[in-house]
Amino acid sequence: MAEVRVEAGARSFSRVLILTGAAILVVVALAALAAPLLSSWGPEEIDANATLAGPGGAHLLGTDTNGMDVWSRLLYAARLDLGVAVSAVALAVVVGTALGLLAGYLGGWLDDVLMRIVDIFQAFPTFILALAVAALLGNGTVNLVITIAAVNAPAYARLVRAEVRSIRELPFVDASITSGASTVGVLWRHVLPNSLTPVRVIAPLNCGWAMLTLAGLSFLGLGVTVPGAEWGAMISLGSPDVVAGRWWTSVPPGLALLVCVLGFSLLGEGLQERADARRRS
């Protein structure tokens, strides 16, 4: 009975985490989509008569040093940050899963070559590698997606490879091969679906990390640059104003980034708790 209660409690806790994280992300996504309805100012529109104006009046969260509305930029930046983070992680999952699938199932020299390439990528600190790739590719939304995906894909390749190496030895895979299924058919119908469980858990957590990476690159001038609306760029532009007491130029984008990363973290932790509970049952 005690074990049953523990399992039920774990499942309830995971459900709370998943719902809380999903609710946070849905609210942010809806606010981003409704940005034109929630603000009468454009993200790059300048009010020359209200430079560094405080919150209130025509500008809900004030304006920055260029006279651009902080609230409007905050909403439009959510579109970019969420879009780049989710797209980059999705690309990393596709590329990393494909490489890990081939390396784990086929083995041999292909496995050795792919894993040595993965080792080279993972030998560098992740953000330092992102800085190098971003400096090489340059600015631009597509380049940022490629940059963040490139530093994330090796981890997925190694994770999927480990799963595939254990799954390929299971009886149902041998039965499929014996029945005459092709290599592609075995991989697509049997190996791939059973090797994605850890990927589903880690991907939401990596979305939060991807947002932090994008913000860090923009903060350092290697990502989105002003007047583009992006939370890291907004924090960078407004950081000198904090000393002067003008908190509204950098604190709101910092809080927005915190909330989104928290949402992804809660979602990922909830999925992890659910997977652990199913494994124990």
C-alpha atoms as a PDB file:
ATOM      1  CA  MET A   1       0.000   0.000   0.000  1.00  0.00           C
ATOM      2  CA  ALA A   2       2.813   2.380   0.866  1.00  0.00           C
ATOM      3  CA  GLU A   3       4.435   1.824  -2.533  1.00  0.00           C
ATOM      4  CA  VAL A   4       1.117   2.436  -4.268  1.00  0.00           C
ATOM      5  CA  ARG A   5       0.725   5.746  -2.409  1.00  0.00           C
ATOM      6  CA  VAL A   6       4.258   6.774  -3.338  1.00  0.00           C
ATOM      7  CA  GLU A   7       3.620   5.986  -7.004  1.00  0.00           C
ATOM      8  CA  ALA A   8       0.310   7.853  -6.971  1.00  0.00           C
ATOM      9  CA  GLY A   9       1.991  10.835  -5.296  1.00  0.00           C
ATOM     10  CA  ALA A  10       4.787  10.837  -7.866  1.00  0.00           C
ATOM     11  CA  ARG A  11       2.318  10.785 -10.736  1.00  0.00           C
ATOM     12  CA  SER A  12       0.259  13.583  -9.200  1.00  0.00           C
ATOM     13  CA  PHE A  13       3.411  15.645  -8.663  1.00  0.00           C
ATOM     14  CA  SER A  14       4.536  15.102 -12.255  1.00  0.00           C
ATOM     15  CA  ARG A  15       1.083  16.115 -13.496  1.00  0.00           C
ATOM     16  CA  VAL A  16       1.265  19.350 -11.500  1.00  0.00           C
ATOM     17  CA  LEU A  17       4.711  20.149 -12.881  1.00  0.00           C
ATOM     18  CA  ILE A  18       3.660  19.448 -16.470  1.00  0.00           C
ATOM     19  CA  LEU A  19       0.453  21.470 -16.226  1.00  0.00           C
ATOM     20  CA  THR A  20       2.178  24.391 -14.506  1.00  0.00           C
ATOM     21  CA  GLY A  21       5.010  24.521 -17.014  1.00  0.00           C
ATOM     22  CA  ALA A  22       2.649  24.142 -19.969  1.00  0.00           C
ATOM     23  CA  ALA A  23       0.340  26.866 -18.602  1.00  0.00           C
ATOM     24  CA  ILE A  24       3.240  29.318 -18.267  1.00  0.00           C
ATOM     25  CA  LEU A  25       4.398  28.659 -21.820  1.00  0.00           C
ATOM     26  CA  VAL A  26       0.879  28.864 -23.269  1.00  0.00           C
ATOM     27  CA  VAL A  27       0.285  32.239 -21.595  1.00  0.00           C
ATOM     28  CA  VAL A  28       3.585  33.597 -22.923  1.00  0.00           C
ATOM     29  CA  ALA A  29       2.896  32.231 -26.414  1.00  0.00           C
ATOM     30  CA  LEU A  30      -0.604  33.718 -26.488  1.00  0.00           C
ATOM     31  CA  ALA A  31       0.710  37.092 -25.308  1.00  0.00           C
ATOM     32  CA  ALA A  32       3.340  37.000 -28.046  1.00  0.00           C
ATOM     33  CA  LEU A  33       0.771  36.161 -30.728  1.00  0.00           C
ATOM     34  CA  ALA A  34      -1.568  38.878 -29.470  1.00  0.00           C
ATOM     35  CA  ALA A  35       1.202  41.512 -29.345  1.00  0.00           C
ATOM     36  CA  PRO A  36      -0.473  43.833 -31.898  1.00  0.00           C
ATOM     37  CA  LEU A  37      -3.650  43.779 -29.780  1.00  0.00           C
ATOM     38  CA  LEU A  38      -1.897  44.270 -26.450  1.00  0.00           C
ATOM     39  CA  SER A  39       0.242  47.224 -27.496  1.00  0.00           C
ATOM     40  CA  SER A  40      -0.444  50.204 -29.721  1.00  0.00           C
ATOM     41  CA  TRP A  41       3.276  50.720 -30.367  1.00  0.00           C
ATOM     42  CA  GLY A  42       5.469  48.819 -32.782  1.00  0.00           C
ATOM     43  CA  PRO A  43       8.568  47.054 -31.459  1.00  0.00           C
ATOM     44  CA  GLU A  44      10.893  49.419 -33.339  1.00  0.00           C
ATOM     45  CA  GLU A  45       8.690  52.511 -33.257  1.00  0.00           C
ATOM     46  CA  ILE A  46      10.382  55.499 -31.612  1.00  0.00           C
ATOM     47  CA  ASP A  47       8.697  58.127 -29.449  1.00  0.00           C
ATOM     48  CA  ALA A  48      11.182  60.995 -29.633  1.00  0.00           C
ATOM     49  CA  ASN A  49       9.309  62.905 -26.929  1.00  0.00           C
ATOM     50  CA  ALA A  50       9.480  60.102 -24.341  1.00  0.00           C
ATOM     51  CA  THR A  51      13.074  58.883 -24.207  1.00  0.00           C
ATOM     52  CA  LEU A  52      13.662  56.875 -21.012  1.00  0.00           C
ATOM     53  CA  ALA A  53      10.146  57.696 -19.825  1.00  0.00           C
ATOM     54  CA  GLY A  54       8.999  55.798 -16.741  1.00  0.00           C
ATOM     55  CA  PRO A  55       6.154  53.283 -16.695  1.00  0.00           C
ATOM     56  CA  GLY A  56       2.674  54.679 -17.107  1.00  0.00           C
ATOM     57  CA  GLY A  57       0.700  56.835 -19.463  1.00  0.00           C
ATOM     58  CA  ALA A  58       1.099  55.976 -23.120  1.00  0.00           C
ATOM     59  CA  HIS A  59       3.905  53.532 -22.317  1.00  0.00           C
ATOM     60  CA  LEU A  60       2.865  50.778 -19.905  1.00  0.00           C
ATOM     61  CA  LEU A  61       6.444  49.779 -19.012  1.00  0.00           C
ATOM     62  CA  GLY A  62       8.126  52.992 -20.080  1.00  0.00           C
ATOM     63  CA  THR A  63      10.599  53.488 -22.906  1.00  0.00           C
ATOM     64  CA  ASP A  64      14.273  52.699 -23.406  1.00  0.00           C
ATOM     65  CA  THR A  65      17.190  54.970 -24.255  1.00  0.00           C
ATOM     66  CA  ASN A  66      16.071  55.090 -27.898  1.00  0.00           C
ATOM     67  CA  GLY A  67      12.480  55.999 -27.040  1.00  0.00           C
ATOM     68  CA  MET A  68      11.089  52.570 -27.985  1.00  0.00           C
ATOM     69  CA  ASP A  69       8.192  51.135 -25.983  1.00  0.00           C
ATOM     70  CA  VAL A  70       9.454  48.453 -23.565  1.00  0.00           C
ATOM     71  CA  TRP A  71       6.104  46.641 -23.281  1.00  0.00           C
ATOM     72  CA  SER A  72       5.738  46.317 -27.034  1.00  0.00           C
ATOM     73  CA  ARG A  73       9.324  45.120 -27.453  1.00  0.00           C
ATOM     74  CA  LEU A  74       8.828  42.641 -24.615  1.00  0.00           C
ATOM     75  CA  LEU A  75       5.855  41.035 -26.375  1.00  0.00           C
ATOM     76  CA  TYR A  76       7.397  40.941 -29.840  1.00  0.00           C
ATOM     77  CA  ALA A  77      10.670  39.606 -28.421  1.00  0.00           C
ATOM     78  CA  ALA A  78       8.748  36.627 -27.028  1.00  0.00           C
ATOM     79  CA  ARG A  79       7.921  35.614 -30.600  1.00  0.00           C
ATOM     80  CA  LEU A  80      11.577  35.598 -31.583  1.00  0.00           C
ATOM     81  CA  ASP A  81      12.923  33.956 -28.435  1.00  0.00           C
ATOM     82  CA  LEU A  82      10.336  31.187 -28.352  1.00  0.00           C
ATOM     83  CA  GLY A  83      10.524  30.646 -32.101  1.00  0.00           C
ATOM     84  CA  VAL A  84      14.314  30.422 -32.241  1.00  0.00           C
ATOM     85  CA  ALA A  85      14.554  28.207 -29.134  1.00  0.00           C
ATOM     86  CA  VAL A  86      11.909  25.703 -30.243  1.00  0.00           C
ATOM     87  CA  SER A  87      13.150  25.647 -33.859  1.00  0.00           C
ATOM     88  CA  ALA A  88      16.772  25.155 -32.800  1.00  0.00           C
ATOM     89  CA  VAL A  89      15.954  22.317 -30.421  1.00  0.00           C
ATOM     90  CA  ALA A  90      13.697  20.673 -33.027  1.00  0.00           C
ATOM     91  CA  LEU A  91      16.506  20.834 -35.595  1.00  0.00           C
ATOM     92  CA  ALA A  92      18.995  19.482 -33.047  1.00  0.00           C
ATOM     93  CA  VAL A  93      16.642  16.603 -32.206  1.00  0.00           C
ATOM     94  CA  VAL A  94      16.185  15.664 -35.882  1.00  0.00           C
ATOM     95  CA  VAL A  95      19.891  15.814 -36.755  1.00  0.00           C
ATOM     96  CA  GLY A  96      21.114  14.263 -33.505  1.00  0.00           C
ATOM     97  CA  THR A  97      18.529  11.478 -33.593  1.00  0.00           C
ATOM     98  CA  ALA A  98      19.380  10.601 -37.197  1.00  0.00           C
ATOM     99  CA  LEU A  99      23.106  10.441 -36.445  1.00  0.00           C
ATOM    100  CA  GLY A 100      22.610   8.481 -33.233  1.00  0.00           C
ATOM    101  CA  LEU A 101      20.230   6.076 -34.950  1.00  0.00           C
ATOM    102  CA  LEU A 102      22.700   5.266 -37.719  1.00  0.00           C
ATOM    103  CA  ALA A 103      25.708   5.059 -35.420  1.00  0.00           C
ATOM    104  CA  GLY A 104      23.977   2.887 -32.843  1.00  0.00           C
ATOM    105  CA  TYR A 105      22.304   0.464 -35.226  1.00  0.00           C
ATOM    106  CA  LEU A 106      24.938   0.055 -37.932  1.00  0.00           C
ATOM    107  CA  GLY A 107      28.002   0.346 -35.681  1.00  0.00           C
ATOM    108  CA  GLY A 108      31.439  -0.314 -37.183  1.00  0.00           C
ATOM    109  CA  TRP A 109      33.511   2.442 -38.765  1.00  0.00           C
ATOM    110  CA  LEU A 110      30.476   4.722 -39.141  1.00  0.00           C
ATOM    111  CA  ASP A 111      29.889   4.599 -35.390  1.00  0.00           C
ATOM    112  CA  ASP A 112      33.564   5.337 -34.708  1.00  0.00           C
ATOM    113  CA  VAL A 113      33.696   8.318 -37.070  1.00  0.00           C
ATOM    114  CA  LEU A 114      30.420   9.896 -35.907  1.00  0.00           C
ATOM    115  CA  MET A 115      31.234   9.489 -32.222  1.00  0.00           C
ATOM    116  CA  ARG A 116      34.703  11.010 -32.644  1.00  0.00           C
ATOM    117  CA  ILE A 117      33.077  14.030 -34.292  1.00  0.00           C
ATOM    118  CA  VAL A 118      30.634  14.212 -31.385  1.00  0.00           C
ATOM    119  CA  ASP A 119      33.564  14.006 -28.957  1.00  0.00           C
ATOM    120  CA  ILE A 120      35.205  16.988 -30.657  1.00  0.00           C
ATOM    121  CA  PHE A 121      32.047  19.084 -30.306  1.00  0.00           C
ATOM    122  CA  GLN A 122      31.501  18.071 -26.691  1.00  0.00           C
ATOM    123  CA  ALA A 123      35.122  18.781 -25.755  1.00  0.00           C
ATOM    124  CA  PHE A 124      34.331  22.512 -25.726  1.00  0.00           C
ATOM    125  CA  PRO A 125      32.134  24.301 -23.163  1.00  0.00           C
ATOM    126  CA  THR A 126      28.736  24.619 -24.797  1.00  0.00           C
ATOM    127  CA  PHE A 127      28.378  28.405 -24.658  1.00  0.00           C
ATOM    128  CA  ILE A 128      31.973  28.954 -25.813  1.00  0.00           C
ATOM    129  CA  LEU A 129      31.238  26.716 -28.788  1.00  0.00           C
ATOM    130  CA  ALA A 130      28.054  28.691 -29.459  1.00  0.00           C
ATOM    131  CA  LEU A 131      30.067  31.918 -29.406  1.00  0.00           C
ATOM    132  CA  ALA A 132      32.521  30.498 -31.937  1.00  0.00           C
ATOM    133  CA  VAL A 133      29.835  29.209 -34.293  1.00  0.00           C
ATOM    134  CA  ALA A 134      27.839  32.450 -34.033  1.00  0.00           C
ATOM    135  CA  ALA A 135      30.942  34.506 -34.814  1.00  0.00           C
ATOM    136  CA  LEU A 136      31.600  32.261 -37.817  1.00  0.00           C
ATOM    137  CA  LEU A 137      28.055  32.311 -39.232  1.00  0.00           C
ATOM    138  CA  GLY A 138      27.146  35.882 -38.323  1.00  0.00           C
ATOM    139  CA  ASN A 139      23.853  37.436 -37.248  1.00  0.00           C
ATOM    140  CA  GLY A 140      20.429  36.484 -38.536  1.00  0.00           C
ATOM    141  CA  THR A 141      17.578  34.375 -37.264  1.00  0.00           C
ATOM    142  CA  VAL A 142      18.390  31.357 -39.438  1.00  0.00           C
ATOM    143  CA  ASN A 143      22.052  31.486 -38.430  1.00  0.00           C
ATOM    144  CA  LEU A 144      21.095  31.647 -34.754  1.00  0.00           C
ATOM    145  CA  VAL A 145      18.866  28.590 -35.131  1.00  0.00           C
ATOM    146  CA  ILE A 146      21.716  26.718 -36.832  1.00  0.00           C
ATOM    147  CA  THR A 147      24.191  27.839 -34.154  1.00  0.00           C
ATOM    148  CA  ILE A 148      22.091  26.671 -31.216  1.00  0.00           C
ATOM    149  CA  ALA A 149      21.131  23.447 -32.996  1.00  0.00           C
ATOM    150  CA  ALA A 150      24.775  22.686 -33.812  1.00  0.00           C
ATOM    151  CA  VAL A 151      25.848  22.806 -30.165  1.00  0.00           C
ATOM    152  CA  ASN A 152      22.855  20.732 -29.011  1.00  0.00           C
ATOM    153  CA  ALA A 153      22.770  18.000 -31.663  1.00  0.00           C
ATOM    154  CA  PRO A 154      25.836  16.053 -30.408  1.00  0.00           C
ATOM    155  CA  ALA A 155      24.179  15.411 -27.038  1.00  0.00           C
ATOM    156  CA  TYR A 156      21.098  13.956 -28.746  1.00  0.00           C
ATOM    157  CA  ALA A 157      23.267  11.838 -31.038  1.00  0.00           C
ATOM    158  CA  ARG A 158      25.080  10.261 -28.089  1.00  0.00           C
ATOM    159  CA  LEU A 159      21.847   9.779 -26.123  1.00  0.00           C
ATOM    160  CA  VAL A 160      19.977   8.106 -29.002  1.00  0.00           C
ATOM    161  CA  ARG A 161      22.994   5.967 -29.886  1.00  0.00           C
ATOM    162  CA  ALA A 162      23.073   4.548 -26.358  1.00  0.00           C
ATOM    163  CA  GLU A 163      19.352   3.744 -26.519  1.00  0.00           C
ATOM    164  CA  VAL A 164      19.612   2.150 -29.965  1.00  0.00           C
ATOM    165  CA  ARG A 165      22.554  -0.054 -28.971  1.00  0.00           C
ATOM    166  CA  SER A 166      20.417  -1.623 -26.223  1.00  0.00           C
ATOM    167  CA  ILE A 167      17.199  -1.799 -28.261  1.00  0.00           C
ATOM    168  CA  ARG A 168      18.763  -3.518 -31.279  1.00  0.00           C
ATOM    169  CA  GLU A 169      19.535  -6.556 -29.096  1.00  0.00           C
ATOM    170  CA  LEU A 170      15.903  -7.061 -28.030  1.00  0.00           C
ATOM    171  CA  PRO A 171      13.880 -10.051 -29.326  1.00  0.00           C
ATOM    172  CA  PHE A 172      11.271  -8.039 -31.241  1.00  0.00           C
ATOM    173  CA  VAL A 173      14.009  -6.462 -33.392  1.00  0.00           C
ATOM    174  CA  ASP A 174      15.435  -9.900 -34.202  1.00  0.00           C
ATOM    175  CA  ALA A 175      11.934 -11.131 -35.024  1.00  0.00           C
ATOM    176  CA  SER A 176      11.386  -8.209 -37.401  1.00  0.00           C
ATOM    177  CA  ILE A 177      14.683  -8.869 -39.186  1.00  0.00           C
ATOM    178  CA  THR A 178      13.900 -12.589 -39.432  1.00  0.00           C
ATOM    179  CA  SER A 179      10.510 -11.835 -40.963  1.00  0.00           C
ATOM    180  CA  GLY A 180      12.268 -10.056 -43.829  1.00  0.00           C
ATOM    181  CA  ALA A 181      11.875  -6.405 -42.858  1.00  0.00           C
ATOM    182  CA  SER A 182      14.374  -4.011 -44.435  1.00  0.00           C
ATOM    183  CA  THR A 183      16.895  -2.044 -42.381  1.00  0.00           C
ATOM    184  CA  VAL A 184      14.924   1.149 -42.947  1.00  0.00           C
ATOM    185  CA  GLY A 185      11.712  -0.585 -41.897  1.00  0.00           C
ATOM    186  CA  VAL A 186      13.261  -1.947 -38.711  1.00  0.00           C
ATOM    187  CA  LEU A 187      14.689   1.454 -37.817  1.00  0.00           C
ATOM    188  CA  TRP A 188      11.494   3.374 -38.584  1.00  0.00           C
ATOM    189  CA  ARG A 189       8.903   1.003 -37.083  1.00  0.00           C
ATOM    190  CA  HIS A 190      10.708  -0.526 -34.134  1.00  0.00           C
ATOM    191  CA  VAL A 191      14.001   1.086 -33.136  1.00  0.00           C
ATOM    192  CA  LEU A 192      13.227   4.789 -33.539  1.00  0.00           C
ATOM    193  CA  PRO A 193       9.921   4.915 -31.587  1.00  0.00           C
ATOM    194  CA  ASN A 194      11.451   3.041 -28.658  1.00  0.00           C
ATOM    195  CA  SER A 195      14.575   5.176 -28.510  1.00  0.00           C
ATOM    196  CA  LEU A 196      12.889   8.579 -28.241  1.00  0.00           C
ATOM    197  CA  THR A 197      11.704   8.410 -24.623  1.00  0.00           C
ATOM    198  CA  PRO A 198      14.722  10.226 -23.120  1.00  0.00           C
ATOM    199  CA  VAL A 199      14.665  12.723 -25.986  1.00  0.00           C
ATOM    200  CA  ARG A 200      11.097  13.741 -25.128  1.00  0.00           C
ATOM    201  CA  VAL A 201      12.200  14.432 -21.571  1.00  0.00           C
ATOM    202  CA  ILE A 202      15.357  16.392 -22.345  1.00  0.00           C
ATOM    203  CA  ALA A 203      14.037  18.484 -25.255  1.00  0.00           C
ATOM    204  CA  PRO A 204      11.890  20.847 -23.107  1.00  0.00           C
ATOM    205  CA  LEU A 205      14.818  21.420 -20.748  1.00  0.00           C
ATOM    206  CA  ASN A 206      17.038  22.209 -23.725  1.00  0.00           C
ATOM    207  CA  CYS A 207      14.494  24.746 -24.980  1.00  0.00           C
ATOM    208  CA  GLY A 208      15.095  26.747 -21.812  1.00  0.00           C
ATOM    209  CA  TRP A 209      18.850  26.469 -22.304  1.00  0.00           C
ATOM    210  CA  ALA A 210      18.435  27.534 -25.938  1.00  0.00           C
ATOM    211  CA  MET A 211      16.621  30.690 -24.834  1.00  0.00           C
ATOM    212  CA  LEU A 212      19.441  31.505 -22.411  1.00  0.00           C
ATOM    213  CA  THR A 213      22.000  30.911 -25.162  1.00  0.00           C
ATOM    214  CA  LEU A 214      20.160  33.203 -27.561  1.00  0.00           C
ATOM    215  CA  ALA A 215      19.894  35.887 -24.875  1.00  0.00           C
ATOM    216  CA  GLY A 216      23.581  35.514 -24.026  1.00  0.00           C
ATOM    217  CA  LEU A 217      24.644  35.799 -27.662  1.00  0.00           C
ATOM    218  CA  SER A 218      22.461  38.879 -28.149  1.00  0.00           C
ATOM    219  CA  PHE A 219      23.750  40.407 -24.922  1.00  0.00           C
ATOM    220  CA  LEU A 220      27.301  40.085 -26.257  1.00  0.00           C
ATOM    221  CA  GLY A 221      26.367  41.463 -29.684  1.00  0.00           C
ATOM    222  CA  LEU A 222      26.573  38.159 -31.577  1.00  0.00           C
ATOM    223  CA  GLY A 223      22.844  37.501 -31.762  1.00  0.00           C
ATOM    224  CA  VAL A 224      19.967  39.873 -32.416  1.00  0.00           C
ATOM    225  CA  THR A 225      21.106  43.493 -32.415  1.00  0.00           C
ATOM    226  CA  VAL A 226      19.179  46.670 -31.627  1.00  0.00           C
ATOM    227  CA  PRO A 227      16.688  47.784 -32.896  1.00  0.00           C
ATOM    228  CA  GLY A 228      15.611  44.138 -33.146  1.00  0.00           C
ATOM    229  CA  ALA A 229      13.353  43.065 -30.275  1.00  0.00           C
ATOM    230  CA  GLU A 230      15.038  40.289 -28.281  1.00  0.00           C
ATOM    231  CA  TRP A 231      15.238  39.886 -24.507  1.00  0.00           C
ATOM    232  CA  GLY A 232      19.031  39.545 -24.305  1.00  0.00           C
ATOM    233  CA  ALA A 233      19.533  42.604 -26.516  1.00  0.00           C
ATOM    234  CA  MET A 234      17.042  44.543 -24.387  1.00  0.00           C
ATOM    235  CA  ILE A 235      18.914  43.601 -21.209  1.00  0.00           C
ATOM    236  CA  SER A 236      22.211  44.652 -22.791  1.00  0.00           C
ATOM    237  CA  LEU A 237      20.813  47.991 -23.947  1.00  0.00           C
ATOM    238  CA  GLY A 238      19.196  48.736 -20.589  1.00  0.00           C
ATOM    239  CA  SER A 239      21.895  47.464 -18.224  1.00  0.00           C
ATOM    240  CA  PRO A 240      23.624  50.880 -17.866  1.00  0.00           C
ATOM    241  CA  ASP A 241      20.283  52.436 -16.898  1.00  0.00           C
ATOM    242  CA  VAL A 242      19.875  50.197 -13.822  1.00  0.00           C
ATOM    243  CA  VAL A 243      22.643  52.102 -11.997  1.00  0.00           C
ATOM    244  CA  ALA A 244      20.725  55.322 -12.594  1.00  0.00           C
ATOM    245  CA  GLY A 245      17.531  53.794 -11.193  1.00  0.00           C
ATOM    246  CA  ARG A 246      15.823  53.230 -14.551  1.00  0.00           C
ATOM    247  CA  TRP A 247      15.035  49.568 -13.872  1.00  0.00           C
ATOM    248  CA  TRP A 248      12.244  49.251 -16.434  1.00  0.00           C
ATOM    249  CA  THR A 249      14.628  49.059 -19.409  1.00  0.00           C
ATOM    250  CA  SER A 250      16.269  45.767 -18.382  1.00  0.00           C
ATOM    251  CA  VAL A 251      14.354  44.149 -15.493  1.00  0.00           C
ATOM    252  CA  PRO A 252      11.159  43.248 -17.464  1.00  0.00           C
ATOM    253  CA  PRO A 253      13.022  41.321 -20.214  1.00  0.00           C
ATOM    254  CA  GLY A 254      15.078  39.585 -17.539  1.00  0.00           C
ATOM    255  CA  LEU A 255      11.925  38.518 -15.707  1.00  0.00           C
ATOM    256  CA  ALA A 256      10.313  37.372 -18.971  1.00  0.00           C
ATOM    257  CA  LEU A 257      13.356  35.224 -19.707  1.00  0.00           C
ATOM    258  CA  LEU A 258      13.237  33.803 -16.182  1.00  0.00           C
ATOM    259  CA  VAL A 259       9.547  32.919 -16.481  1.00  0.00           C
ATOM    260  CA  CYS A 260       9.968  31.162 -19.842  1.00  0.00           C
ATOM    261  CA  VAL A 261      12.986  29.153 -18.703  1.00  0.00           C
ATOM    262  CA  LEU A 262      11.048  28.219 -15.563  1.00  0.00           C
ATOM    263  CA  GLY A 263       8.144  27.018 -17.705  1.00  0.00           C
ATOM    264  CA  PHE A 264      10.378  24.806 -19.830  1.00  0.00           C
ATOM    265  CA  SER A 265      12.168  23.506 -16.730  1.00  0.00           C
ATOM    266  CA  LEU A 266       8.924  22.574 -14.977  1.00  0.00           C
ATOM    267  CA  LEU A 267       7.649  20.848 -18.109  1.00  0.00           C
ATOM    268  CA  GLY A 268      10.872  18.882 -18.511  1.00  0.00           C
ATOM    269  CA  GLU A 269      11.027  17.916 -14.834  1.00  0.00           C
ATOM    270  CA  GLY A 270       7.406  16.795 -14.945  1.00  0.00           C
ATOM    271  CA  LEU A 271       8.065  14.585 -17.944  1.00  0.00           C
ATOM    272  CA  GLN A 272      11.121  13.166 -16.176  1.00  0.00           C
ATOM    273  CA  GLU A 273       9.073  12.375 -13.054  1.00  0.00           C
ATOM    274  CA  ARG A 274       6.394  10.705 -15.167  1.00  0.00           C
ATOM    275  CA  ALA A 275       8.973   8.598 -17.008  1.00  0.00           C
ATOM    276  CA  ASP A 276      10.581   7.545 -13.724  1.00  0.00           C
ATOM    277  CA  ALA A 277       7.197   6.604 -12.250  1.00  0.00           C
ATOM    278  CA  ARG A 278       6.371   4.436 -15.281  1.00  0.00           C
ATOM    279  CA  ARG A 279       9.782   2.795 -15.099  1.00  0.00           C
ATOM    280  CA  ARG A 280       9.267   1.889 -11.451  1.00  0.00           C
ATOM    281  CA  SER A 281       5.752   0.506 -11.986  1.00  0.00           C
END
